[in-house]
Amino acid sequence: MAEALVFDRLPSPLGELLIVADDSDRLRAIDWCEEERLRARLARSLGGEDFTLMPQRDPAGLTTALKAYFAGDLAVIDSLPVEAAGTSFQRAVWAALRGIACGTTVSYGEIARRIGQPGAMRAVGLANNANPIPIVVPCHRVIGADGALVGFGGGLDRKRWLLDHEGAGSRQLSLAI
C-alpha cells in the first residue's frame, strides 16, 4: 500500500518552501525546490517505497507553524512532530540536531561526540546533508570547528539568514568558500 503524503507551499523570506506531511500529521520534508525534484528526493529517502503526494492546504497546521517561525515565533518549531526516513546513524544525528537550542551553534565534532561517535565528524556532515527536514531539524545550526559557515543544502546565504533570524550572531561567523 502506498504511503499517503500531502504537501503545501509557503512563501518565505528564503523563497518558496514545499512542506510535506504524512497521514499521521508528521512533518516528513521541507524543501526549496520544484515538486518533481521533491518527488525524486522523497523516493530516495523512502527507499523506493511507494507513495502518493497530493496538495493539501496547511496539513496539520504545519504551514501555519512555519509561517509563525518566520514571523519571529522561533519556539513554535520545537514541538512539531517529525518523521524522517534514514539510517540509524542519520536518525541519531537528526535527533541530536533537535537538541541544539535556537540561537546557538555547534560544530560537526560536537554532534559526533553527542551521539557517542567522536571521530565521525564527516559522517555527521553527510547525515546533515541528507536531512529532509531543514529548519525544524536544524542542521543550519551546525558549523565548522573554526566557526565557518559550511554545508547547507539550502545554500550558505539561507544558512546565514536562518542563524541571523534566530540570533546566533552569524555576522561574526566566517563564510567558508
N, C-alpha and C. Protein backbone atom coordinates (compact mmCIF):
# COMPACT_ATOMS: atom_id res chain seq x y z
N MET A 1 0.84 -1.19 0.00
CA MET A 1 0.00 0.00 0.00
C MET A 1 0.89 1.25 0.00
N ALA A 2 0.59 2.17 -0.83
CA ALA A 2 1.38 3.40 -0.96
C ALA A 2 1.16 4.31 0.23
N GLU A 3 2.25 4.91 0.69
CA GLU A 3 2.15 5.88 1.77
C GLU A 3 1.54 7.17 1.22
N ALA A 4 0.55 7.70 1.95
CA ALA A 4 -0.12 8.92 1.52
C ALA A 4 0.58 10.13 2.14
N LEU A 5 1.14 10.97 1.28
CA LEU A 5 1.79 12.20 1.71
C LEU A 5 1.06 13.38 1.09
N VAL A 6 1.05 14.49 1.82
CA VAL A 6 0.43 15.72 1.32
C VAL A 6 1.45 16.84 1.40
N PHE A 7 1.26 17.87 0.59
CA PHE A 7 2.21 18.98 0.62
C PHE A 7 1.47 20.31 0.48
N ASP A 8 2.15 21.33 0.97
CA ASP A 8 1.67 22.70 0.84
C ASP A 8 2.87 23.55 0.44
N ARG A 9 2.59 24.72 -0.08
CA ARG A 9 3.63 25.68 -0.45
C ARG A 9 3.55 26.87 0.50
N LEU A 10 4.71 27.35 0.90
CA LEU A 10 4.77 28.51 1.79
C LEU A 10 5.77 29.52 1.24
N PRO A 11 5.30 30.69 0.83
CA PRO A 11 6.25 31.76 0.50
C PRO A 11 6.97 32.15 1.79
N SER A 12 8.28 32.25 1.72
CA SER A 12 9.06 32.61 2.91
C SER A 12 10.11 33.65 2.52
N PRO A 13 10.76 34.25 3.50
CA PRO A 13 11.83 35.20 3.17
C PRO A 13 12.99 34.54 2.41
N LEU A 14 13.02 33.22 2.41
CA LEU A 14 14.11 32.48 1.76
C LEU A 14 13.69 31.84 0.45
N GLY A 15 12.51 32.16 -0.02
CA GLY A 15 11.97 31.54 -1.22
C GLY A 15 10.83 30.60 -0.85
N GLU A 16 10.17 30.11 -1.87
CA GLU A 16 9.02 29.24 -1.63
C GLU A 16 9.46 27.89 -1.07
N LEU A 17 8.81 27.48 0.02
CA LEU A 17 9.07 26.19 0.63
C LEU A 17 7.97 25.21 0.26
N LEU A 18 8.35 23.96 0.08
CA LEU A 18 7.39 22.87 -0.05
C LEU A 18 7.43 22.12 1.28
N ILE A 19 6.28 21.94 1.89
CA ILE A 19 6.16 21.30 3.21
C ILE A 19 5.38 20.01 3.01
N VAL A 20 5.96 18.89 3.44
CA VAL A 20 5.35 17.58 3.23
C VAL A 20 5.01 16.95 4.58
N ALA A 21 3.79 16.40 4.67
CA ALA A 21 3.34 15.72 5.88
C ALA A 21 2.78 14.36 5.51
N ASP A 22 2.72 13.45 6.49
CA ASP A 22 2.11 12.15 6.25
C ASP A 22 0.71 12.10 6.85
N ASP A 23 0.06 10.96 6.72
CA ASP A 23 -1.32 10.86 7.20
C ASP A 23 -1.42 10.75 8.71
N SER A 24 -0.27 10.74 9.40
CA SER A 24 -0.24 10.81 10.87
C SER A 24 0.09 12.22 11.34
N ASP A 25 0.01 13.18 10.43
CA ASP A 25 0.26 14.60 10.72
C ASP A 25 1.69 14.90 11.16
N ARG A 26 2.63 14.08 10.69
CA ARG A 26 4.05 14.32 10.99
C ARG A 26 4.71 14.98 9.79
N LEU A 27 5.58 15.92 10.08
CA LEU A 27 6.35 16.60 9.05
C LEU A 27 7.36 15.61 8.48
N ARG A 28 7.37 15.43 7.16
CA ARG A 28 8.27 14.48 6.53
C ARG A 28 9.37 15.14 5.72
N ALA A 29 9.11 16.34 5.21
CA ALA A 29 10.13 17.01 4.40
C ALA A 29 9.81 18.50 4.27
N ILE A 30 10.86 19.28 4.12
CA ILE A 30 10.78 20.70 3.77
C ILE A 30 11.86 20.89 2.70
N ASP A 31 11.50 21.58 1.64
CA ASP A 31 12.50 21.79 0.59
C ASP A 31 12.21 23.07 -0.17
N TRP A 32 13.28 23.63 -0.74
CA TRP A 32 13.19 24.78 -1.63
C TRP A 32 13.37 24.25 -3.04
N CYS A 33 12.39 23.61 -3.57
CA CYS A 33 12.57 23.05 -4.90
C CYS A 33 11.22 22.88 -5.58
N GLU A 34 11.30 22.48 -6.80
CA GLU A 34 10.09 22.21 -7.57
C GLU A 34 9.52 20.86 -7.16
N GLU A 35 8.26 20.69 -7.41
CA GLU A 35 7.55 19.48 -6.99
C GLU A 35 8.19 18.20 -7.55
N GLU A 36 8.62 18.20 -8.80
CA GLU A 36 9.21 16.99 -9.38
C GLU A 36 10.51 16.60 -8.68
N ARG A 37 11.34 17.59 -8.37
CA ARG A 37 12.58 17.30 -7.65
C ARG A 37 12.27 16.78 -6.25
N LEU A 38 11.24 17.35 -5.63
CA LEU A 38 10.83 16.89 -4.31
C LEU A 38 10.39 15.43 -4.38
N ARG A 39 9.62 15.07 -5.40
CA ARG A 39 9.18 13.68 -5.57
C ARG A 39 10.39 12.74 -5.66
N ALA A 40 11.40 13.13 -6.41
CA ALA A 40 12.60 12.31 -6.56
C ALA A 40 13.33 12.17 -5.23
N ARG A 41 13.45 13.25 -4.49
CA ARG A 41 14.11 13.19 -3.18
C ARG A 41 13.33 12.33 -2.20
N LEU A 42 12.00 12.44 -2.22
CA LEU A 42 11.17 11.60 -1.35
C LEU A 42 11.33 10.12 -1.71
N ALA A 43 11.36 9.83 -2.99
CA ALA A 43 11.52 8.43 -3.42
C ALA A 43 12.84 7.86 -2.89
N ARG A 44 13.92 8.65 -2.96
CA ARG A 44 15.21 8.20 -2.43
C ARG A 44 15.14 8.03 -0.92
N SER A 45 14.58 9.00 -0.22
CA SER A 45 14.58 8.94 1.25
C SER A 45 13.65 7.85 1.77
N LEU A 46 12.64 7.49 1.00
CA LEU A 46 11.72 6.42 1.41
C LEU A 46 12.20 5.05 0.94
N GLY A 47 13.38 4.99 0.37
CA GLY A 47 13.97 3.71 -0.02
C GLY A 47 13.18 2.97 -1.09
N GLY A 48 12.59 3.69 -2.00
CA GLY A 48 11.84 3.06 -3.07
C GLY A 48 10.42 2.69 -2.71
N GLU A 49 10.01 2.96 -1.47
CA GLU A 49 8.64 2.67 -1.03
C GLU A 49 7.66 3.51 -1.87
N ASP A 50 6.55 2.90 -2.23
CA ASP A 50 5.54 3.63 -2.99
C ASP A 50 4.90 4.72 -2.14
N PHE A 51 4.60 5.84 -2.76
CA PHE A 51 3.91 6.92 -2.05
C PHE A 51 3.08 7.73 -3.03
N THR A 52 2.09 8.40 -2.48
CA THR A 52 1.33 9.38 -3.26
C THR A 52 1.62 10.74 -2.65
N LEU A 53 1.59 11.77 -3.45
CA LEU A 53 1.86 13.13 -2.98
C LEU A 53 0.79 14.03 -3.57
N MET A 54 -0.06 14.53 -2.70
CA MET A 54 -1.19 15.36 -3.13
C MET A 54 -1.14 16.72 -2.43
N PRO A 55 -1.55 17.78 -3.11
CA PRO A 55 -1.61 19.09 -2.46
C PRO A 55 -2.69 19.12 -1.39
N GLN A 56 -2.38 19.80 -0.29
CA GLN A 56 -3.35 20.00 0.78
C GLN A 56 -2.99 21.28 1.50
N ARG A 57 -3.96 22.09 1.77
CA ARG A 57 -3.71 23.36 2.43
C ARG A 57 -3.42 23.15 3.91
N ASP A 58 -2.29 23.70 4.39
CA ASP A 58 -1.88 23.70 5.79
C ASP A 58 -2.04 22.35 6.48
N PRO A 59 -1.37 21.31 6.00
CA PRO A 59 -1.52 20.00 6.63
C PRO A 59 -1.11 20.04 8.10
N ALA A 60 -2.03 19.61 8.96
CA ALA A 60 -1.80 19.52 10.40
C ALA A 60 -1.30 20.83 11.02
N GLY A 61 -1.59 21.95 10.39
CA GLY A 61 -1.14 23.24 10.92
C GLY A 61 0.35 23.49 10.75
N LEU A 62 1.02 22.64 9.97
CA LEU A 62 2.47 22.78 9.80
C LEU A 62 2.86 24.03 9.03
N THR A 63 2.08 24.39 8.03
CA THR A 63 2.36 25.61 7.28
C THR A 63 2.20 26.82 8.18
N THR A 64 1.14 26.82 8.99
CA THR A 64 0.90 27.92 9.93
C THR A 64 2.06 28.04 10.92
N ALA A 65 2.55 26.90 11.41
CA ALA A 65 3.66 26.91 12.36
C ALA A 65 4.92 27.49 11.73
N LEU A 66 5.22 27.09 10.50
CA LEU A 66 6.42 27.62 9.84
C LEU A 66 6.26 29.10 9.52
N LYS A 67 5.06 29.51 9.18
CA LYS A 67 4.80 30.94 8.95
C LYS A 67 5.07 31.72 10.25
N ALA A 68 4.64 31.17 11.39
CA ALA A 68 4.88 31.81 12.69
C ALA A 68 6.38 31.88 12.99
N TYR A 69 7.12 30.81 12.66
CA TYR A 69 8.57 30.81 12.85
C TYR A 69 9.20 31.97 12.08
N PHE A 70 8.83 32.12 10.82
CA PHE A 70 9.40 33.20 10.00
C PHE A 70 8.97 34.57 10.50
N ALA A 71 7.83 34.64 11.20
CA ALA A 71 7.34 35.91 11.75
C ALA A 71 7.98 36.22 13.11
N GLY A 72 8.80 35.30 13.63
CA GLY A 72 9.51 35.58 14.88
C GLY A 72 9.20 34.66 16.05
N ASP A 73 8.21 33.78 15.93
CA ASP A 73 7.91 32.82 17.00
C ASP A 73 8.83 31.62 16.82
N LEU A 74 10.07 31.76 17.25
CA LEU A 74 11.11 30.77 16.96
C LEU A 74 10.86 29.43 17.65
N ALA A 75 10.21 29.44 18.80
CA ALA A 75 10.00 28.21 19.56
C ALA A 75 8.91 27.33 18.97
N VAL A 76 8.11 27.86 18.07
CA VAL A 76 6.97 27.10 17.54
C VAL A 76 7.42 25.81 16.83
N ILE A 77 8.62 25.78 16.29
CA ILE A 77 9.06 24.59 15.56
C ILE A 77 9.57 23.49 16.48
N ASP A 78 9.86 23.82 17.74
CA ASP A 78 10.47 22.85 18.65
C ASP A 78 9.61 21.62 18.90
N SER A 79 8.30 21.78 18.90
CA SER A 79 7.43 20.66 19.25
C SER A 79 6.73 20.04 18.04
N LEU A 80 7.08 20.46 16.84
CA LEU A 80 6.44 19.89 15.66
C LEU A 80 6.82 18.41 15.53
N PRO A 81 5.85 17.54 15.28
CA PRO A 81 6.15 16.12 15.11
C PRO A 81 6.82 15.88 13.76
N VAL A 82 7.90 15.13 13.78
CA VAL A 82 8.64 14.83 12.56
C VAL A 82 8.83 13.33 12.41
N GLU A 83 9.00 12.92 11.19
CA GLU A 83 9.35 11.52 10.88
C GLU A 83 10.22 11.56 9.65
N ALA A 84 11.48 11.21 9.82
CA ALA A 84 12.43 11.23 8.71
C ALA A 84 12.98 9.84 8.49
N ALA A 85 12.86 9.36 7.27
CA ALA A 85 13.43 8.07 6.91
C ALA A 85 14.93 8.21 6.74
N GLY A 86 15.68 7.32 7.35
CA GLY A 86 17.14 7.35 7.24
C GLY A 86 17.74 6.17 7.96
N THR A 87 19.05 6.08 7.89
CA THR A 87 19.76 5.02 8.60
C THR A 87 19.70 5.31 10.10
N SER A 88 20.07 4.32 10.91
CA SER A 88 20.07 4.55 12.36
C SER A 88 21.06 5.66 12.73
N PHE A 89 22.20 5.74 12.03
CA PHE A 89 23.17 6.80 12.30
C PHE A 89 22.56 8.16 11.95
N GLN A 90 21.96 8.27 10.76
CA GLN A 90 21.34 9.53 10.37
C GLN A 90 20.28 9.95 11.37
N ARG A 91 19.46 9.02 11.80
CA ARG A 91 18.38 9.35 12.73
C ARG A 91 18.96 9.81 14.08
N ALA A 92 20.09 9.24 14.49
CA ALA A 92 20.73 9.68 15.73
C ALA A 92 21.25 11.11 15.58
N VAL A 93 21.85 11.40 14.44
CA VAL A 93 22.33 12.77 14.18
C VAL A 93 21.15 13.74 14.18
N TRP A 94 20.08 13.39 13.48
CA TRP A 94 18.93 14.29 13.38
C TRP A 94 18.28 14.52 14.74
N ALA A 95 18.26 13.49 15.59
CA ALA A 95 17.73 13.67 16.95
C ALA A 95 18.63 14.63 17.73
N ALA A 96 19.94 14.51 17.56
CA ALA A 96 20.87 15.42 18.25
C ALA A 96 20.69 16.86 17.75
N LEU A 97 20.41 17.02 16.46
CA LEU A 97 20.20 18.36 15.92
C LEU A 97 19.01 19.04 16.60
N ARG A 98 17.98 18.27 16.88
CA ARG A 98 16.80 18.86 17.52
C ARG A 98 17.11 19.34 18.94
N GLY A 99 18.21 18.88 19.50
CA GLY A 99 18.62 19.31 20.82
C GLY A 99 19.48 20.56 20.85
N ILE A 100 19.80 21.12 19.67
CA ILE A 100 20.58 22.36 19.62
C ILE A 100 19.62 23.53 19.85
N ALA A 101 19.87 24.28 20.89
CA ALA A 101 18.98 25.39 21.23
C ALA A 101 19.00 26.46 20.15
N CYS A 102 17.85 27.02 19.90
CA CYS A 102 17.72 28.13 18.97
C CYS A 102 18.62 29.27 19.42
N GLY A 103 19.31 29.89 18.49
CA GLY A 103 20.20 30.98 18.83
C GLY A 103 21.61 30.53 19.15
N THR A 104 21.87 29.23 19.04
CA THR A 104 23.22 28.71 19.30
C THR A 104 23.68 27.89 18.10
N THR A 105 24.97 27.65 18.04
CA THR A 105 25.55 26.79 17.02
C THR A 105 26.49 25.80 17.69
N VAL A 106 26.70 24.68 17.04
CA VAL A 106 27.68 23.69 17.49
C VAL A 106 28.44 23.20 16.27
N SER A 107 29.57 22.56 16.51
CA SER A 107 30.38 22.03 15.41
C SER A 107 29.95 20.60 15.06
N TYR A 108 30.37 20.17 13.90
CA TYR A 108 30.12 18.79 13.49
C TYR A 108 30.74 17.82 14.51
N GLY A 109 31.92 18.16 15.01
CA GLY A 109 32.59 17.33 16.01
C GLY A 109 31.78 17.22 17.29
N GLU A 110 31.14 18.32 17.69
CA GLU A 110 30.31 18.29 18.90
C GLU A 110 29.12 17.37 18.71
N ILE A 111 28.49 17.41 17.55
CA ILE A 111 27.37 16.49 17.29
C ILE A 111 27.88 15.05 17.33
N ALA A 112 29.04 14.78 16.73
CA ALA A 112 29.61 13.43 16.75
C ALA A 112 29.82 12.97 18.19
N ARG A 113 30.33 13.85 19.04
CA ARG A 113 30.53 13.49 20.46
C ARG A 113 29.18 13.23 21.14
N ARG A 114 28.19 14.07 20.86
CA ARG A 114 26.88 13.91 21.50
C ARG A 114 26.22 12.58 21.18
N ILE A 115 26.50 12.03 20.00
CA ILE A 115 25.89 10.75 19.65
C ILE A 115 26.81 9.57 19.95
N GLY A 116 27.92 9.84 20.64
CA GLY A 116 28.83 8.77 21.05
C GLY A 116 29.74 8.26 19.96
N GLN A 117 29.97 9.07 18.93
CA GLN A 117 30.85 8.71 17.81
C GLN A 117 31.85 9.84 17.57
N PRO A 118 32.76 10.08 18.53
CA PRO A 118 33.60 11.28 18.47
C PRO A 118 34.46 11.45 17.22
N GLY A 119 34.73 10.40 16.49
CA GLY A 119 35.55 10.53 15.28
C GLY A 119 34.74 10.66 14.00
N ALA A 120 33.45 10.79 14.13
CA ALA A 120 32.58 10.70 12.95
C ALA A 120 32.11 12.05 12.42
N MET A 121 32.98 13.07 12.48
CA MET A 121 32.58 14.40 12.03
C MET A 121 32.13 14.42 10.57
N ARG A 122 32.86 13.75 9.70
CA ARG A 122 32.49 13.74 8.28
C ARG A 122 31.16 13.02 8.07
N ALA A 123 30.96 11.93 8.79
CA ALA A 123 29.69 11.19 8.67
C ALA A 123 28.54 12.05 9.18
N VAL A 124 28.79 12.85 10.20
CA VAL A 124 27.77 13.79 10.69
C VAL A 124 27.45 14.80 9.58
N GLY A 125 28.47 15.27 8.89
CA GLY A 125 28.24 16.19 7.78
C GLY A 125 27.40 15.57 6.68
N LEU A 126 27.64 14.31 6.38
CA LEU A 126 26.85 13.62 5.36
C LEU A 126 25.40 13.44 5.83
N ALA A 127 25.22 13.12 7.11
CA ALA A 127 23.86 12.99 7.65
C ALA A 127 23.14 14.33 7.60
N ASN A 128 23.87 15.40 7.93
CA ASN A 128 23.28 16.75 7.83
C ASN A 128 22.82 17.01 6.41
N ASN A 129 23.64 16.67 5.45
CA ASN A 129 23.32 16.91 4.05
C ASN A 129 22.09 16.10 3.61
N ALA A 130 21.86 14.95 4.23
CA ALA A 130 20.72 14.11 3.87
C ALA A 130 19.45 14.46 4.65
N ASN A 131 19.53 15.43 5.56
CA ASN A 131 18.39 15.82 6.39
C ASN A 131 17.23 16.31 5.52
N PRO A 132 16.10 15.60 5.55
CA PRO A 132 14.98 16.02 4.70
C PRO A 132 14.10 17.12 5.31
N ILE A 133 14.39 17.51 6.56
CA ILE A 133 13.51 18.46 7.25
C ILE A 133 14.32 19.64 7.81
N PRO A 134 15.02 20.39 6.92
CA PRO A 134 15.78 21.53 7.43
C PRO A 134 14.86 22.53 8.12
N ILE A 135 15.43 23.37 8.90
CA ILE A 135 14.78 24.38 9.74
C ILE A 135 14.25 23.70 11.00
N VAL A 136 13.32 22.76 10.87
CA VAL A 136 12.74 22.09 12.04
C VAL A 136 13.73 21.11 12.65
N VAL A 137 14.44 20.36 11.83
CA VAL A 137 15.59 19.57 12.27
C VAL A 137 16.78 20.44 11.88
N PRO A 138 17.24 21.28 12.82
CA PRO A 138 18.04 22.47 12.48
C PRO A 138 19.50 22.20 12.13
N CYS A 139 19.72 21.61 10.97
CA CYS A 139 21.08 21.37 10.51
C CYS A 139 21.82 22.68 10.23
N HIS A 140 21.08 23.77 10.06
CA HIS A 140 21.73 25.07 9.82
C HIS A 140 22.48 25.55 11.05
N ARG A 141 22.23 24.97 12.22
CA ARG A 141 22.91 25.38 13.45
C ARG A 141 24.25 24.68 13.64
N VAL A 142 24.67 23.88 12.67
CA VAL A 142 25.95 23.18 12.75
C VAL A 142 26.94 23.91 11.84
N ILE A 143 28.09 24.22 12.43
CA ILE A 143 29.10 25.00 11.72
C ILE A 143 30.45 24.27 11.82
N GLY A 144 31.42 24.76 11.08
CA GLY A 144 32.76 24.19 11.15
C GLY A 144 33.40 24.44 12.50
N ALA A 145 34.38 23.64 12.84
CA ALA A 145 35.08 23.77 14.13
C ALA A 145 35.72 25.15 14.29
N ASP A 146 36.06 25.78 13.16
CA ASP A 146 36.69 27.10 13.20
C ASP A 146 35.66 28.23 13.16
N GLY A 147 34.37 27.89 13.24
CA GLY A 147 33.33 28.90 13.22
C GLY A 147 32.84 29.26 11.83
N ALA A 148 33.35 28.55 10.82
CA ALA A 148 32.95 28.85 9.44
C ALA A 148 31.56 28.30 9.13
N LEU A 149 30.83 29.06 8.33
CA LEU A 149 29.56 28.56 7.81
C LEU A 149 29.88 27.62 6.66
N VAL A 150 29.59 26.36 6.86
CA VAL A 150 29.86 25.35 5.83
C VAL A 150 28.64 24.47 5.66
N GLY A 151 28.47 23.96 4.48
CA GLY A 151 27.49 22.94 4.17
C GLY A 151 26.07 23.18 4.63
N PHE A 152 25.21 23.56 3.71
CA PHE A 152 23.78 23.63 3.97
C PHE A 152 23.08 23.42 2.64
N GLY A 153 22.18 22.44 2.60
CA GLY A 153 21.50 22.10 1.35
C GLY A 153 20.75 23.25 0.73
N GLY A 154 20.31 24.20 1.54
CA GLY A 154 19.59 25.36 1.03
C GLY A 154 20.51 26.47 0.58
N GLY A 155 21.81 26.28 0.74
CA GLY A 155 22.79 27.30 0.38
C GLY A 155 23.24 28.10 1.59
N LEU A 156 24.46 28.59 1.53
CA LEU A 156 25.04 29.29 2.68
C LEU A 156 24.36 30.62 2.96
N ASP A 157 23.82 31.29 1.95
CA ASP A 157 23.09 32.54 2.20
C ASP A 157 21.86 32.27 3.06
N ARG A 158 21.14 31.18 2.78
CA ARG A 158 19.98 30.83 3.60
C ARG A 158 20.41 30.43 5.01
N LYS A 159 21.51 29.71 5.13
CA LYS A 159 22.01 29.32 6.44
C LYS A 159 22.31 30.57 7.27
N ARG A 160 23.00 31.52 6.67
CA ARG A 160 23.33 32.76 7.37
C ARG A 160 22.04 33.49 7.78
N TRP A 161 21.06 33.56 6.89
CA TRP A 161 19.80 34.23 7.20
C TRP A 161 19.11 33.55 8.39
N LEU A 162 19.05 32.21 8.37
CA LEU A 162 18.40 31.48 9.47
C LEU A 162 19.11 31.73 10.79
N LEU A 163 20.43 31.71 10.78
CA LEU A 163 21.18 31.96 12.02
C LEU A 163 20.98 33.39 12.51
N ASP A 164 20.95 34.34 11.60
CA ASP A 164 20.67 35.73 11.98
C ASP A 164 19.25 35.84 12.55
N HIS A 165 18.30 35.21 11.89
CA HIS A 165 16.90 35.23 12.33
C HIS A 165 16.77 34.69 13.75
N GLU A 166 17.56 33.68 14.06
CA GLU A 166 17.50 33.05 15.38
C GLU A 166 18.40 33.72 16.41
N GLY A 167 19.15 34.73 15.99
CA GLY A 167 20.01 35.45 16.92
C GLY A 167 21.29 34.73 17.25
N ALA A 168 21.78 33.90 16.34
CA ALA A 168 23.00 33.14 16.62
C ALA A 168 24.27 33.93 16.33
N GLY A 169 24.13 35.18 15.92
CA GLY A 169 25.31 36.02 15.70
C GLY A 169 26.15 35.57 14.52
N SER A 170 25.49 35.12 13.44
CA SER A 170 26.27 34.62 12.30
C SER A 170 27.11 35.71 11.64
N ARG A 171 26.83 36.96 11.94
CA ARG A 171 27.66 38.02 11.35
C ARG A 171 29.11 37.88 11.81
N GLN A 172 29.30 37.23 12.96
CA GLN A 172 30.65 37.02 13.47
C GLN A 172 31.26 35.74 12.91
N LEU A 173 30.46 34.90 12.27
CA LEU A 173 30.96 33.67 11.70
C LEU A 173 31.54 33.96 10.33
N SER A 174 32.49 33.14 9.93
CA SER A 174 33.07 33.33 8.60
C SER A 174 32.35 32.45 7.59
N LEU A 175 32.33 32.89 6.37
CA LEU A 175 31.70 32.14 5.29
C LEU A 175 32.80 31.36 4.58
N ALA A 176 32.76 30.03 4.68
CA ALA A 176 33.78 29.20 4.04
C ALA A 176 33.52 29.13 2.55
N ILE A 177 34.54 29.37 1.78
CA ILE A 177 34.39 29.33 0.32
C ILE A 177 35.33 28.28 -0.23
